[in-house]
PDB file of N, CA and C in Angstrom:
ATOM      1  N   MET A   1       0.848  -1.170   0.000  1.00  0.00           N
ATOM      2  CA  MET A   1       0.000   0.000   0.000  1.00  0.00           C
ATOM      3  C   MET A   1       0.899   1.240   0.000  1.00  0.00           C
ATOM      4  N   PRO A   2       0.725   2.142  -0.958  1.00  0.00           N
ATOM      5  CA  PRO A   2       1.582   3.319  -1.028  1.00  0.00           C
ATOM      6  C   PRO A   2       1.282   4.289   0.109  1.00  0.00           C
ATOM      7  N   LYS A   3       2.336   4.957   0.564  1.00  0.00           N
ATOM      8  CA  LYS A   3       2.160   5.949   1.620  1.00  0.00           C
ATOM      9  C   LYS A   3       1.786   7.274   0.993  1.00  0.00           C
ATOM     10  N   ASN A   4       0.872   7.962   1.618  1.00  0.00           N
ATOM     11  CA  ASN A   4       0.451   9.263   1.137  1.00  0.00           C
ATOM     12  C   ASN A   4       1.143  10.338   1.966  1.00  0.00           C
ATOM     13  N   PHE A   5       2.131  10.978   1.386  1.00  0.00           N
ATOM     14  CA  PHE A   5       2.824  12.062   2.052  1.00  0.00           C
ATOM     15  C   PHE A   5       2.207  13.372   1.610  1.00  0.00           C
ATOM     16  N   THR A   6       1.938  14.220   2.575  1.00  0.00           N
ATOM     17  CA  THR A   6       1.393  15.527   2.235  1.00  0.00           C
ATOM     18  C   THR A   6       2.524  16.447   1.817  1.00  0.00           C
ATOM     19  N   ARG A   7       2.154  17.565   1.260  1.00  0.00           N
ATOM     20  CA  ARG A   7       3.164  18.526   0.828  1.00  0.00           C
ATOM     21  C   ARG A   7       3.947  19.043   2.031  1.00  0.00           C
ATOM     22  N   SER A   8       3.265  19.248   3.152  1.00  0.00           N
ATOM     23  CA  SER A   8       3.972  19.744   4.336  1.00  0.00           C
ATOM     24  C   SER A   8       4.974  18.710   4.854  1.00  0.00           C
ATOM     25  N   ASP A   9       4.684  17.414   4.685  1.00  0.00           N
ATOM     26  CA  ASP A   9       5.653  16.371   5.056  1.00  0.00           C
ATOM     27  C   ASP A   9       6.895  16.442   4.177  1.00  0.00           C
ATOM     28  N   ARG A  10       6.683  16.619   2.895  1.00  0.00           N
ATOM     29  CA  ARG A  10       7.821  16.722   1.972  1.00  0.00           C
ATOM     30  C   ARG A  10       8.645  17.986   2.239  1.00  0.00           C
ATOM     31  N   ILE A  11       7.975  19.077   2.532  1.00  0.00           N
ATOM     32  CA  ILE A  11       8.677  20.315   2.852  1.00  0.00           C
ATOM     33  C   ILE A  11       9.466  20.144   4.139  1.00  0.00           C
ATOM     34  N   ALA A  12       8.876  19.501   5.146  1.00  0.00           N
ATOM     35  CA  ALA A  12       9.569  19.271   6.420  1.00  0.00           C
ATOM     36  C   ALA A  12      10.814  18.417   6.216  1.00  0.00           C
ATOM     37  N   GLN A  13      10.718  17.382   5.393  1.00  0.00           N
ATOM     38  CA  GLN A  13      11.876  16.530   5.130  1.00  0.00           C
ATOM     39  C   GLN A  13      12.985  17.304   4.407  1.00  0.00           C
ATOM     40  N   GLN A  14      12.599  18.123   3.448  1.00  0.00           N
ATOM     41  CA  GLN A  14      13.594  18.908   2.719  1.00  0.00           C
ATOM     42  C   GLN A  14      14.228  19.951   3.638  1.00  0.00           C
ATOM     43  N   LEU A  15      13.418  20.580   4.491  1.00  0.00           N
ATOM     44  CA  LEU A  15      13.952  21.529   5.458  1.00  0.00           C
ATOM     45  C   LEU A  15      14.959  20.854   6.382  1.00  0.00           C
ATOM     46  N   GLN A  16      14.633  19.646   6.819  1.00  0.00           N
ATOM     47  CA  GLN A  16      15.526  18.907   7.716  1.00  0.00           C
ATOM     48  C   GLN A  16      16.879  18.658   7.048  1.00  0.00           C
ATOM     49  N   ARG A  17      16.853  18.197   5.811  1.00  0.00           N
ATOM     50  CA  ARG A  17      18.103  17.930   5.093  1.00  0.00           C
ATOM     51  C   ARG A  17      18.908  19.214   4.870  1.00  0.00           C
ATOM     52  N   ASP A  18      18.227  20.250   4.388  1.00  0.00           N
ATOM     53  CA  ASP A  18      18.921  21.498   4.067  1.00  0.00           C
ATOM     54  C   ASP A  18      19.443  22.200   5.321  1.00  0.00           C
ATOM     55  N   LEU A  19      18.660  22.176   6.393  1.00  0.00           N
ATOM     56  CA  LEU A  19      19.104  22.801   7.635  1.00  0.00           C
ATOM     57  C   LEU A  19      20.328  22.096   8.211  1.00  0.00           C
ATOM     58  N   ALA A  20      20.331  20.781   8.178  1.00  0.00           N
ATOM     59  CA  ALA A  20      21.477  20.032   8.693  1.00  0.00           C
ATOM     60  C   ALA A  20      22.742  20.408   7.931  1.00  0.00           C
ATOM     61  N   GLU A  21      22.626  20.507   6.631  1.00  0.00           N
ATOM     62  CA  GLU A  21      23.777  20.878   5.807  1.00  0.00           C
ATOM     63  C   GLU A  21      24.215  22.319   6.072  1.00  0.00           C
ATOM     64  N   LEU A  22      23.249  23.223   6.166  1.00  0.00           N
ATOM     65  CA  LEU A  22      23.562  24.630   6.419  1.00  0.00           C
ATOM     66  C   LEU A  22      24.228  24.831   7.780  1.00  0.00           C
ATOM     67  N   ILE A  23      23.706  24.165   8.788  1.00  0.00           N
ATOM     68  CA  ILE A  23      24.259  24.322  10.137  1.00  0.00           C
ATOM     69  C   ILE A  23      25.697  23.833  10.180  1.00  0.00           C
ATOM     70  N   ARG A  24      25.964  22.690   9.568  1.00  0.00           N
ATOM     71  CA  ARG A  24      27.334  22.170   9.563  1.00  0.00           C
ATOM     72  C   ARG A  24      28.283  23.089   8.796  1.00  0.00           C
ATOM     73  N   ALA A  25      27.805  23.640   7.698  1.00  0.00           N
ATOM     74  CA  ALA A  25      28.682  24.427   6.832  1.00  0.00           C
ATOM     75  C   ALA A  25      28.788  25.894   7.240  1.00  0.00           C
ATOM     76  N   GLU A  26      27.712  26.472   7.719  1.00  0.00           N
ATOM     77  CA  GLU A  26      27.671  27.922   7.878  1.00  0.00           C
ATOM     78  C   GLU A  26      27.648  28.428   9.318  1.00  0.00           C
ATOM     79  N   LEU A  27      27.256  27.612  10.279  1.00  0.00           N
ATOM     80  CA  LEU A  27      27.139  28.098  11.652  1.00  0.00           C
ATOM     81  C   LEU A  27      28.525  28.347  12.230  1.00  0.00           C
ATOM     82  N   ASP A  28      28.717  29.537  12.758  1.00  0.00           N
ATOM     83  CA  ASP A  28      30.027  29.941  13.276  1.00  0.00           C
ATOM     84  C   ASP A  28      30.183  29.481  14.726  1.00  0.00           C
ATOM     85  N   HIS A  29      30.377  28.178  14.901  1.00  0.00           N
ATOM     86  CA  HIS A  29      30.615  27.601  16.217  1.00  0.00           C
ATOM     87  C   HIS A  29      31.490  26.374  16.026  1.00  0.00           C
ATOM     88  N   PRO A  30      32.503  26.197  16.865  1.00  0.00           N
ATOM     89  CA  PRO A  30      33.415  25.057  16.657  1.00  0.00           C
ATOM     90  C   PRO A  30      32.757  23.690  16.808  1.00  0.00           C
ATOM     91  N   LYS A  31      31.647  23.606  17.523  1.00  0.00           N
ATOM     92  CA  LYS A  31      30.998  22.318  17.732  1.00  0.00           C
ATOM     93  C   LYS A  31      29.707  22.178  16.930  1.00  0.00           C
ATOM     94  N   ALA A  32      29.546  22.973  15.901  1.00  0.00           N
ATOM     95  CA  ALA A  32      28.326  22.931  15.090  1.00  0.00           C
ATOM     96  C   ALA A  32      28.150  21.584  14.398  1.00  0.00           C
ATOM     97  N   SER A  33      29.250  20.881  14.149  1.00  0.00           N
ATOM     98  CA  SER A  33      29.146  19.584  13.482  1.00  0.00           C
ATOM     99  C   SER A  33      28.547  18.520  14.395  1.00  0.00           C
ATOM    100  N   LEU A  34      28.419  18.813  15.698  1.00  0.00           N
ATOM    101  CA  LEU A  34      27.833  17.857  16.637  1.00  0.00           C
ATOM    102  C   LEU A  34      26.329  18.030  16.786  1.00  0.00           C
ATOM    103  N   ILE A  35      25.743  18.936  16.016  1.00  0.00           N
ATOM    104  CA  ILE A  35      24.289  19.148  16.044  1.00  0.00           C
ATOM    105  C   ILE A  35      23.634  18.195  15.057  1.00  0.00           C
ATOM    106  N   THR A  36      22.578  17.537  15.505  1.00  0.00           N
ATOM    107  CA  THR A  36      21.801  16.660  14.633  1.00  0.00           C
ATOM    108  C   THR A  36      20.360  17.144  14.613  1.00  0.00           C
ATOM    109  N   ILE A  37      19.838  17.394  13.421  1.00  0.00           N
ATOM    110  CA  ILE A  37      18.433  17.767  13.274  1.00  0.00           C
ATOM    111  C   ILE A  37      17.633  16.465  13.258  1.00  0.00           C
ATOM    112  N   THR A  38      16.824  16.247  14.301  1.00  0.00           N
ATOM    113  CA  THR A  38      16.099  14.982  14.418  1.00  0.00           C
ATOM    114  C   THR A  38      14.738  15.011  13.737  1.00  0.00           C
ATOM    115  N   ASP A  39      14.100  16.181  13.700  1.00  0.00           N
ATOM    116  CA  ASP A  39      12.770  16.248  13.082  1.00  0.00           C
ATOM    117  C   ASP A  39      12.422  17.706  12.801  1.00  0.00           C
ATOM    118  N   VAL A  40      11.545  17.898  11.849  1.00  0.00           N
ATOM    119  CA  VAL A  40      10.994  19.217  11.542  1.00  0.00           C
ATOM    120  C   VAL A  40       9.491  19.037  11.353  1.00  0.00           C
ATOM    121  N   GLU A  41       8.727  19.881  12.026  1.00  0.00           N
ATOM    122  CA  GLU A  41       7.269  19.882  11.876  1.00  0.00           C
ATOM    123  C   GLU A  41       6.856  21.233  11.304  1.00  0.00           C
ATOM    124  N   VAL A  42       6.140  21.201  10.203  1.00  0.00           N
ATOM    125  CA  VAL A  42       5.704  22.423   9.529  1.00  0.00           C
ATOM    126  C   VAL A  42       4.196  22.553   9.700  1.00  0.00           C
ATOM    127  N   THR A  43       3.740  23.763  10.021  1.00  0.00           N
ATOM    128  CA  THR A  43       2.304  23.982  10.150  1.00  0.00           C
ATOM    129  C   THR A  43       1.642  23.878   8.779  1.00  0.00           C
ATOM    130  N   ARG A  44       0.340  23.712   8.788  1.00  0.00           N
ATOM    131  CA  ARG A  44      -0.380  23.506   7.531  1.00  0.00           C
ATOM    132  C   ARG A  44      -0.301  24.696   6.594  1.00  0.00           C
ATOM    133  N   ASP A  45      -0.173  25.897   7.156  1.00  0.00           N
ATOM    134  CA  ASP A  45      -0.077  27.086   6.307  1.00  0.00           C
ATOM    135  C   ASP A  45       1.374  27.462   5.997  1.00  0.00           C
ATOM    136  N   TYR A  46       2.323  26.623   6.396  1.00  0.00           N
ATOM    137  CA  TYR A  46       3.756  26.790   6.118  1.00  0.00           C
ATOM    138  C   TYR A  46       4.349  28.058   6.729  1.00  0.00           C
ATOM    139  N   SER A  47       3.714  28.614   7.748  1.00  0.00           N
ATOM    140  CA  SER A  47       4.231  29.850   8.329  1.00  0.00           C
ATOM    141  C   SER A  47       5.223  29.599   9.464  1.00  0.00           C
ATOM    142  N   HIS A  48       5.175  28.422  10.073  1.00  0.00           N
ATOM    143  CA  HIS A  48       6.072  28.102  11.185  1.00  0.00           C
ATOM    144  C   HIS A  48       6.618  26.685  11.022  1.00  0.00           C
ATOM    145  N   ALA A  49       7.853  26.516  11.469  1.00  0.00           N
ATOM    146  CA  ALA A  49       8.480  25.191  11.452  1.00  0.00           C
ATOM    147  C   ALA A  49       9.173  24.968  12.786  1.00  0.00           C
ATOM    148  N   LYS A  50       8.793  23.900  13.474  1.00  0.00           N
ATOM    149  CA  LYS A  50       9.480  23.500  14.696  1.00  0.00           C
ATOM    150  C   LYS A  50      10.642  22.608  14.283  1.00  0.00           C
ATOM    151  N   VAL A  51      11.829  22.991  14.676  1.00  0.00           N
ATOM    152  CA  VAL A  51      13.030  22.239  14.332  1.00  0.00           C
ATOM    153  C   VAL A  51      13.549  21.599  15.612  1.00  0.00           C
ATOM    154  N   PHE A  52      13.539  20.279  15.652  1.00  0.00           N
ATOM    155  CA  PHE A  52      14.016  19.547  16.812  1.00  0.00           C
ATOM    156  C   PHE A  52      15.446  19.099  16.544  1.00  0.00           C
ATOM    157  N   TYR A  53      16.316  19.331  17.529  1.00  0.00           N
ATOM    158  CA  TYR A  53      17.725  18.992  17.345  1.00  0.00           C
ATOM    159  C   TYR A  53      18.293  18.371  18.615  1.00  0.00           C
ATOM    160  N   THR A  54      19.369  17.635  18.460  1.00  0.00           N
ATOM    161  CA  THR A  54      20.136  17.120  19.588  1.00  0.00           C
ATOM    162  C   THR A  54      21.567  17.610  19.440  1.00  0.00           C
ATOM    163  N   PHE A  55      22.292  17.521  20.533  1.00  0.00           N
ATOM    164  CA  PHE A  55      23.672  17.986  20.542  1.00  0.00           C
ATOM    165  C   PHE A  55      24.484  17.077  21.450  1.00  0.00           C
ATOM    166  N   LEU A  56      25.623  16.638  20.960  1.00  0.00           N
ATOM    167  CA  LEU A  56      26.511  15.798  21.761  1.00  0.00           C
ATOM    168  C   LEU A  56      27.551  16.690  22.424  1.00  0.00           C
ATOM    169  N   GLY A  57      27.360  16.943  23.684  1.00  0.00           N
ATOM    170  CA  GLY A  57      28.282  17.785  24.419  1.00  0.00           C
ATOM    171  C   GLY A  57      27.759  18.038  25.814  1.00  0.00           C
ATOM    172  N   THR A  58      28.428  18.921  26.524  1.00  0.00           N
ATOM    173  CA  THR A  58      28.036  19.238  27.893  1.00  0.00           C
ATOM    174  C   THR A  58      26.810  20.144  27.901  1.00  0.00           C
ATOM    175  N   ALA A  59      26.226  20.307  29.083  1.00  0.00           N
ATOM    176  CA  ALA A  59      25.045  21.160  29.221  1.00  0.00           C
ATOM    177  C   ALA A  59      25.380  22.617  28.910  1.00  0.00           C
ATOM    178  N   GLU A  60      26.577  23.059  29.293  1.00  0.00           N
ATOM    179  CA  GLU A  60      26.982  24.435  29.013  1.00  0.00           C
ATOM    180  C   GLU A  60      27.135  24.655  27.510  1.00  0.00           C
ATOM    181  N   GLU A  61      27.732  23.676  26.839  1.00  0.00           N
ATOM    182  CA  GLU A  61      27.880  23.781  25.383  1.00  0.00           C
ATOM    183  C   GLU A  61      26.524  23.749  24.692  1.00  0.00           C
ATOM    184  N   ALA A  62      25.592  22.953  25.228  1.00  0.00           N
ATOM    185  CA  ALA A  62      24.248  22.885  24.642  1.00  0.00           C
ATOM    186  C   ALA A  62      23.534  24.217  24.767  1.00  0.00           C
ATOM    187  N   GLU A  63      23.736  24.908  25.882  1.00  0.00           N
ATOM    188  CA  GLU A  63      23.129  26.231  26.044  1.00  0.00           C
ATOM    189  C   GLU A  63      23.740  27.226  25.051  1.00  0.00           C
ATOM    190  N   ALA A  64      25.041  27.133  24.849  1.00  0.00           N
ATOM    191  CA  ALA A  64      25.699  28.013  23.882  1.00  0.00           C
ATOM    192  C   ALA A  64      25.201  27.727  22.470  1.00  0.00           C
ATOM    193  N   ILE A  65      25.004  26.457  22.143  1.00  0.00           N
ATOM    194  CA  ILE A  65      24.489  26.082  20.820  1.00  0.00           C
ATOM    195  C   ILE A  65      23.069  26.588  20.647  1.00  0.00           C
ATOM    196  N   ALA A  66      22.242  26.467  21.698  1.00  0.00           N
ATOM    197  CA  ALA A  66      20.862  26.951  21.617  1.00  0.00           C
ATOM    198  C   ALA A  66      20.834  28.454  21.353  1.00  0.00           C
ATOM    199  N   ALA A  67      21.696  29.190  22.031  1.00  0.00           N
ATOM    200  CA  ALA A  67      21.762  30.637  21.822  1.00  0.00           C
ATOM    201  C   ALA A  67      22.254  30.959  20.413  1.00  0.00           C
ATOM    202  N   LYS A  68      23.211  30.200  19.931  1.00  0.00           N
ATOM    203  CA  LYS A  68      23.754  30.419  18.577  1.00  0.00           C
ATOM    204  C   LYS A  68      22.684  30.133  17.512  1.00  0.00           C
ATOM    205  N   LEU A  69      21.928  29.051  17.692  1.00  0.00           N
ATOM    206  CA  LEU A  69      20.860  28.731  16.737  1.00  0.00           C
ATOM    207  C   LEU A  69      19.788  29.809  16.746  1.00  0.00           C
ATOM    208  N   GLU A  70      19.449  30.284  17.935  1.00  0.00           N
ATOM    209  CA  GLU A  70      18.433  31.331  18.049  1.00  0.00           C
ATOM    210  C   GLU A  70      18.900  32.606  17.355  1.00  0.00           C
ATOM    211  N   ALA A  71      20.166  32.935  17.522  1.00  0.00           N
ATOM    212  CA  ALA A  71      20.708  34.143  16.896  1.00  0.00           C
ATOM    213  C   ALA A  71      20.810  34.000  15.377  1.00  0.00           C
ATOM    214  N   ALA A  72      21.037  32.784  14.902  1.00  0.00           N
ATOM    215  CA  ALA A  72      21.260  32.564  13.466  1.00  0.00           C
ATOM    216  C   ALA A  72      19.999  32.178  12.707  1.00  0.00           C
ATOM    217  N   LYS A  73      18.854  32.113  13.373  1.00  0.00           N
ATOM    218  CA  LYS A  73      17.674  31.597  12.672  1.00  0.00           C
ATOM    219  C   LYS A  73      17.221  32.482  11.522  1.00  0.00           C
ATOM    220  N   GLY A  74      17.420  33.787  11.606  1.00  0.00           N
ATOM    221  CA  GLY A  74      17.078  34.673  10.491  1.00  0.00           C
ATOM    222  C   GLY A  74      17.957  34.406   9.282  1.00  0.00           C
ATOM    223  N   TYR A  75      19.248  34.255   9.534  1.00  0.00           N
ATOM    224  CA  TYR A  75      20.188  33.948   8.452  1.00  0.00           C
ATOM    225  C   TYR A  75      19.868  32.585   7.838  1.00  0.00           C
ATOM    226  N   LEU A  76      19.621  31.585   8.689  1.00  0.00           N
ATOM    227  CA  LEU A  76      19.309  30.246   8.181  1.00  0.00           C
ATOM    228  C   LEU A  76      18.032  30.269   7.351  1.00  0.00           C
ATOM    229  N   ARG A  77      17.046  31.022   7.816  1.00  0.00           N
ATOM    230  CA  ARG A  77      15.779  31.118   7.081  1.00  0.00           C
ATOM    231  C   ARG A  77      15.995  31.753   5.711  1.00  0.00           C
ATOM    232  N   SER A  78      16.805  32.810   5.652  1.00  0.00           N
ATOM    233  CA  SER A  78      17.037  33.466   4.359  1.00  0.00           C
ATOM    234  C   SER A  78      17.826  32.564   3.416  1.00  0.00           C
ATOM    235  N   GLU A  79      18.782  31.807   3.949  1.00  0.00           N
ATOM    236  CA  GLU A  79      19.536  30.874   3.110  1.00  0.00           C
ATOM    237  C   GLU A  79      18.649  29.734   2.610  1.00  0.00           C
ATOM    238  N   LEU A  80      17.749  29.256   3.465  1.00  0.00           N
ATOM    239  CA  LEU A  80      16.825  28.202   3.046  1.00  0.00           C
ATOM    240  C   LEU A  80      15.880  28.693   1.953  1.00  0.00           C
ATOM    241  N   ALA A  81      15.483  29.958   2.038  1.00  0.00           N
ATOM    242  CA  ALA A  81      14.526  30.510   1.078  1.00  0.00           C
ATOM    243  C   ALA A  81      15.085  30.522  -0.340  1.00  0.00           C
ATOM    244  N   ARG A  82      16.401  30.537  -0.468  1.00  0.00           N
ATOM    245  CA  ARG A  82      17.000  30.527  -1.803  1.00  0.00           C
ATOM    246  C   ARG A  82      16.746  29.221  -2.544  1.00  0.00           C
ATOM    247  N   GLY A  83      16.588  28.113  -1.816  1.00  0.00           N
ATOM    248  CA  GLY A  83      16.395  26.817  -2.452  1.00  0.00           C
ATOM    249  C   GLY A  83      14.959  26.344  -2.505  1.00  0.00           C
ATOM    250  N   PHE A  84      14.036  27.099  -1.905  1.00  0.00           N
ATOM    251  CA  PHE A  84      12.633  26.688  -1.850  1.00  0.00           C
ATOM    252  C   PHE A  84      11.773  27.601  -2.699  1.00  0.00           C
ATOM    253  N   LYS A  85      10.763  27.012  -3.293  1.00  0.00           N
ATOM    254  CA  LYS A  85       9.793  27.784  -4.067  1.00  0.00           C
ATOM    255  C   LYS A  85       8.487  27.820  -3.274  1.00  0.00           C
ATOM    256  N   LEU A  86       8.520  28.574  -2.173  1.00  0.00           N
ATOM    257  CA  LEU A  86       7.337  28.727  -1.335  1.00  0.00           C
ATOM    258  C   LEU A  86       6.918  30.190  -1.343  1.00  0.00           C
ATOM    259  N   PHE A  87       5.629  30.417  -1.186  1.00  0.00           N
ATOM    260  CA  PHE A  87       5.124  31.787  -1.104  1.00  0.00           C
ATOM    261  C   PHE A  87       5.698  32.474   0.124  1.00  0.00           C
ATOM    262  N   LYS A  88       5.745  31.739   1.243  1.00  0.00           N
ATOM    263  CA  LYS A  88       6.289  32.284   2.478  1.00  0.00           C
ATOM    264  C   LYS A  88       7.169  31.225   3.116  1.00  0.00           C
ATOM    265  N   MET A  89       8.394  31.594   3.427  1.00  0.00           N
ATOM    266  CA  MET A  89       9.312  30.680   4.093  1.00  0.00           C
ATOM    267  C   MET A  89       8.917  30.580   5.563  1.00  0.00           C
ATOM    268  N   PRO A  90       8.818  29.364   6.106  1.00  0.00           N
ATOM    269  CA  PRO A  90       8.404  29.216   7.506  1.00  0.00           C
ATOM    270  C   PRO A  90       9.382  29.876   8.474  1.00  0.00           C
ATOM    271  N   GLU A  91       8.831  30.434   9.539  1.00  0.00           N
ATOM    272  CA  GLU A  91       9.658  30.960  10.620  1.00  0.00           C
ATOM    273  C   GLU A  91      10.176  29.764  11.417  1.00  0.00           C
ATOM    274  N   LEU A  92      11.458  29.774  11.745  1.00  0.00           N
ATOM    275  CA  LEU A  92      12.087  28.637  12.406  1.00  0.00           C
ATOM    276  C   LEU A  92      12.021  28.795  13.919  1.00  0.00           C
ATOM    277  N   HIS A  93      11.636  27.700  14.588  1.00  0.00           N
ATOM    278  CA  HIS A  93      11.602  27.640  16.052  1.00  0.00           C
ATOM    279  C   HIS A  93      12.405  26.407  16.468  1.00  0.00           C
ATOM    280  N   PHE A  94      13.534  26.628  17.131  1.00  0.00           N
ATOM    281  CA  PHE A  94      14.410  25.529  17.516  1.00  0.00           C
ATOM    282  C   PHE A  94      14.029  24.998  18.893  1.00  0.00           C
ATOM    283  N   HIS A  95      13.928  23.657  18.996  1.00  0.00           N
ATOM    284  CA  HIS A  95      13.601  22.983  20.251  1.00  0.00           C
ATOM    285  C   HIS A  95      14.590  21.846  20.464  1.00  0.00           C
ATOM    286  N   TYR A  96      15.165  21.805  21.658  1.00  0.00           N
ATOM    287  CA  TYR A  96      16.086  20.723  21.974  1.00  0.00           C
ATOM    288  C   TYR A  96      15.292  19.435  22.136  1.00  0.00           C
ATOM    289  N   ASP A  97      15.746  18.367  21.512  1.00  0.00           N
ATOM    290  CA  ASP A  97      15.060  17.072  21.535  1.00  0.00           C
ATOM    291  C   ASP A  97      15.697  16.188  22.609  1.00  0.00           C
ATOM    292  N   HIS A  98      14.942  15.935  23.662  1.00  0.00           N
ATOM    293  CA  HIS A  98      15.446  15.129  24.784  1.00  0.00           C
ATOM    294  C   HIS A  98      15.245  13.633  24.567  1.00  0.00           C
ATOM    295  N   SER A  99      14.651  13.234  23.467  1.00  0.00           N
ATOM    296  CA  SER A  99      14.313  11.820  23.272  1.00  0.00           C
ATOM    297  C   SER A  99      15.557  10.933  23.184  1.00  0.00           C
ATOM    298  N   VAL A 100      16.652  11.437  22.648  1.00  0.00           N
ATOM    299  CA  VAL A 100      17.875  10.632  22.552  1.00  0.00           C
ATOM    300  C   VAL A 100      18.422  10.363  23.948  1.00  0.00           C
ATOM    301  N   GLU A 101      18.450  11.406  24.793  1.00  0.00           N
ATOM    302  CA  GLU A 101      18.914  11.225  26.167  1.00  0.00           C
ATOM    303  C   GLU A 101      18.002  10.266  26.927  1.00  0.00           C
ATOM    304  N   GLN A 102      16.695  10.398  26.739  1.00  0.00           N
ATOM    305  CA  GLN A 102      15.750   9.517  27.414  1.00  0.00           C
ATOM    306  C   GLN A 102      15.929   8.078  26.942  1.00  0.00           C
ATOM    307  N   GLY A 103      16.172   7.890  25.660  1.00  0.00           N
ATOM    308  CA  GLY A 103      16.400   6.560  25.120  1.00  0.00           C
ATOM    309  C   GLY A 103      17.660   5.931  25.689  1.00  0.00           C
ATOM    310  N   MET A 104      18.721   6.717  25.816  1.00  0.00           N
ATOM    311  CA  MET A 104      19.966   6.204  26.393  1.00  0.00           C
ATOM    312  C   MET A 104      19.765   5.835  27.860  1.00  0.00           C
ATOM    313  N   HIS A 105      18.985   6.638  28.582  1.00  0.00           N
ATOM    314  CA  HIS A 105      18.700   6.344  29.983  1.00  0.00           C
ATOM    315  C   HIS A 105      17.896   5.051  30.112  1.00  0.00           C
ATOM    316  N   LEU A 106      16.876   4.894  29.272  1.00  0.00           N
ATOM    317  CA  LEU A 106      16.085   3.658  29.297  1.00  0.00           C
ATOM    318  C   LEU A 106      16.937   2.450  28.939  1.00  0.00           C
ATOM    319  N   ASP A 107      17.842   2.614  27.974  1.00  0.00           N
ATOM    320  CA  ASP A 107      18.732   1.528  27.587  1.00  0.00           C
ATOM    321  C   ASP A 107      19.621   1.106  28.754  1.00  0.00           C
ATOM    322  N   SER A 108      20.128   2.081  29.505  1.00  0.00           N
ATOM    323  CA  SER A 108      20.968   1.741  30.652  1.00  0.00           C
ATOM    324  C   SER A 108      20.151   1.064  31.749  1.00  0.00           C
ATOM    325  N   LEU A 109      18.899   1.479  31.933  1.00  0.00           N
ATOM    326  CA  LEU A 109      18.042   0.820  32.921  1.00  0.00           C
ATOM    327  C   LEU A 109      17.744  -0.630  32.523  1.00  0.00           C
ATOM    328  N   ILE A 110      17.523  -0.865  31.252  1.00  0.00           N
ATOM    329  CA  ILE A 110      17.263  -2.229  30.777  1.00  0.00           C
ATOM    330  C   ILE A 110      18.502  -3.089  30.956  1.00  0.00           C
ATOM    331  N   ALA A 111      19.673  -2.539  30.635  1.00  0.00           N
ATOM    332  CA  ALA A 111      20.919  -3.295  30.821  1.00  0.00           C
ATOM    333  C   ALA A 111      21.154  -3.598  32.296  1.00  0.00           C
ATOM    334  N   GLU A 112      20.854  -2.645  33.150  1.00  0.00           N
ATOM    335  CA  GLU A 112      21.013  -2.852  34.593  1.00  0.00           C
ATOM    336  C   GLU A 112      20.053  -3.929  35.087  1.00  0.00           C
ATOM    337  N   ALA A 113      18.827  -3.912  34.580  1.00  0.00           N
ATOM    338  CA  ALA A 113      17.849  -4.936  34.979  1.00  0.00           C
ATOM    339  C   ALA A 113      18.294  -6.312  34.503  1.00  0.00           C
ATOM    340  N   GLY A 114      18.953  -6.397  33.368  1.00  0.00           N
ATOM    341  CA  GLY A 114      19.438  -7.675  32.860  1.00  0.00           C
ATOM    342  C   GLY A 114      20.562  -8.252  33.702  1.00  0.00           C
ATOM    343  N   ARG A 115      21.299  -7.408  34.411  1.00  0.00           N
ATOM    344  CA  ARG A 115      22.389  -7.880  35.267  1.00  0.00           C
ATOM    345  C   ARG A 115      21.928  -8.303  36.647  1.00  0.00           C
ATOM    346  N   LEU A 116      20.686  -7.992  37.000  1.00  0.00           N
ATOM    347  CA  LEU A 116      20.178  -8.377  38.319  1.00  0.00           C
ATOM    348  C   LEU A 116      20.054  -9.895  38.412  1.00  0.00           C
ATOM    349  N   PRO A 117      20.223 -10.455  39.623  1.00  0.00           N
ATOM    350  CA  PRO A 117      20.074 -11.909  39.765  1.00  0.00           C
ATOM    351  C   PRO A 117      18.640 -12.336  39.481  1.00  0.00           C
ATOM    352  N   LYS A 118      18.523 -13.487  38.884  1.00  0.00           N
ATOM    353  CA  LYS A 118      17.203 -14.002  38.521  1.00  0.00           C
ATOM    354  C   LYS A 118      16.557 -14.656  39.742  1.00  0.00           C
ATOM    355  N   ALA A 119      15.238 -14.674  39.747  1.00  0.00           N
ATOM    356  CA  ALA A 119      14.494 -15.330  40.813  1.00  0.00           C
ATOM    357  C   ALA A 119      14.696 -16.843  40.693  1.00  0.00           C
ATOM    358  N   PRO A 120      14.640 -17.583  41.812  1.00  0.00           N
ATOM    359  CA  PRO A 120      14.890 -19.034  41.763  1.00  0.00           C
ATOM    360  C   PRO A 120      13.975 -19.799  40.808  1.00  0.00           C
ATOM    361  N   ASP A 121      12.729 -19.369  40.645  1.00  0.00           N
ATOM    362  CA  ASP A 121      11.815 -20.095  39.757  1.00  0.00           C
ATOM    363  C   ASP A 121      12.088 -19.791  38.295  1.00  0.00           C
ATOM    364  N   GLU A 122      12.862 -18.770  37.959  1.00  0.00           N
ATOM    365  CA  GLU A 122      13.166 -18.422  36.569  1.00  0.00           C
ATOM    366  C   GLU A 122      14.444 -19.075  36.057  1.00  0.00           C
ATOM    367  N   GLU A 123      15.243 -19.686  36.932  1.00  0.00           N
ATOM    368  CA  GLU A 123      16.526 -20.226  36.535  1.00  0.00           C
ATOM    369  C   GLU A 123      16.419 -21.583  35.830  1.00  0.00           C
ATOM    370  N   ALA A 124      15.322 -22.232  35.897  1.00  0.00           N
ATOM    371  CA  ALA A 124      15.187 -23.566  35.320  1.00  0.00           C
ATOM    372  C   ALA A 124      15.179 -23.590  33.851  1.00  0.00           C
TER     373      ALA A 124
END
C-alpha cells in the first residue's frame, strides 16, 4: 500500500536535510558539526516550522548552541529561502530534543535490569 505524504511532510523533510547541511557548513561555532536535526514539523499554512535537534556535548555547550541557533535563525531562514519555491518561508523555532537522552537512559536501565540476579523459579 503506497504511503500518502502531504506537501507539508515533503517540505519538512527537505527543510531537515537542508538545515542540517547549512548548520554544519555555515554556523560559526566550533561544535556545530555535533548538532543533529532529528525532526521538523511544519504547520499547515507553512508559516512556522518546529526544528528539533540534539547535541553531543556538555550542558553548558548545549546552552551556547541553543543561543547560537536562536541568533542565526534569520540567516538560516534566508539561506533556506533561496532553495525553496514557497510563497512564504516558515519561521524557524528551535527545540532541543530530549528523546535521545531519554532513550539512552532507558537503555541503561534495561541493561542494569538484565544484570540483576534471577528469581529461583526463573533459573530452570
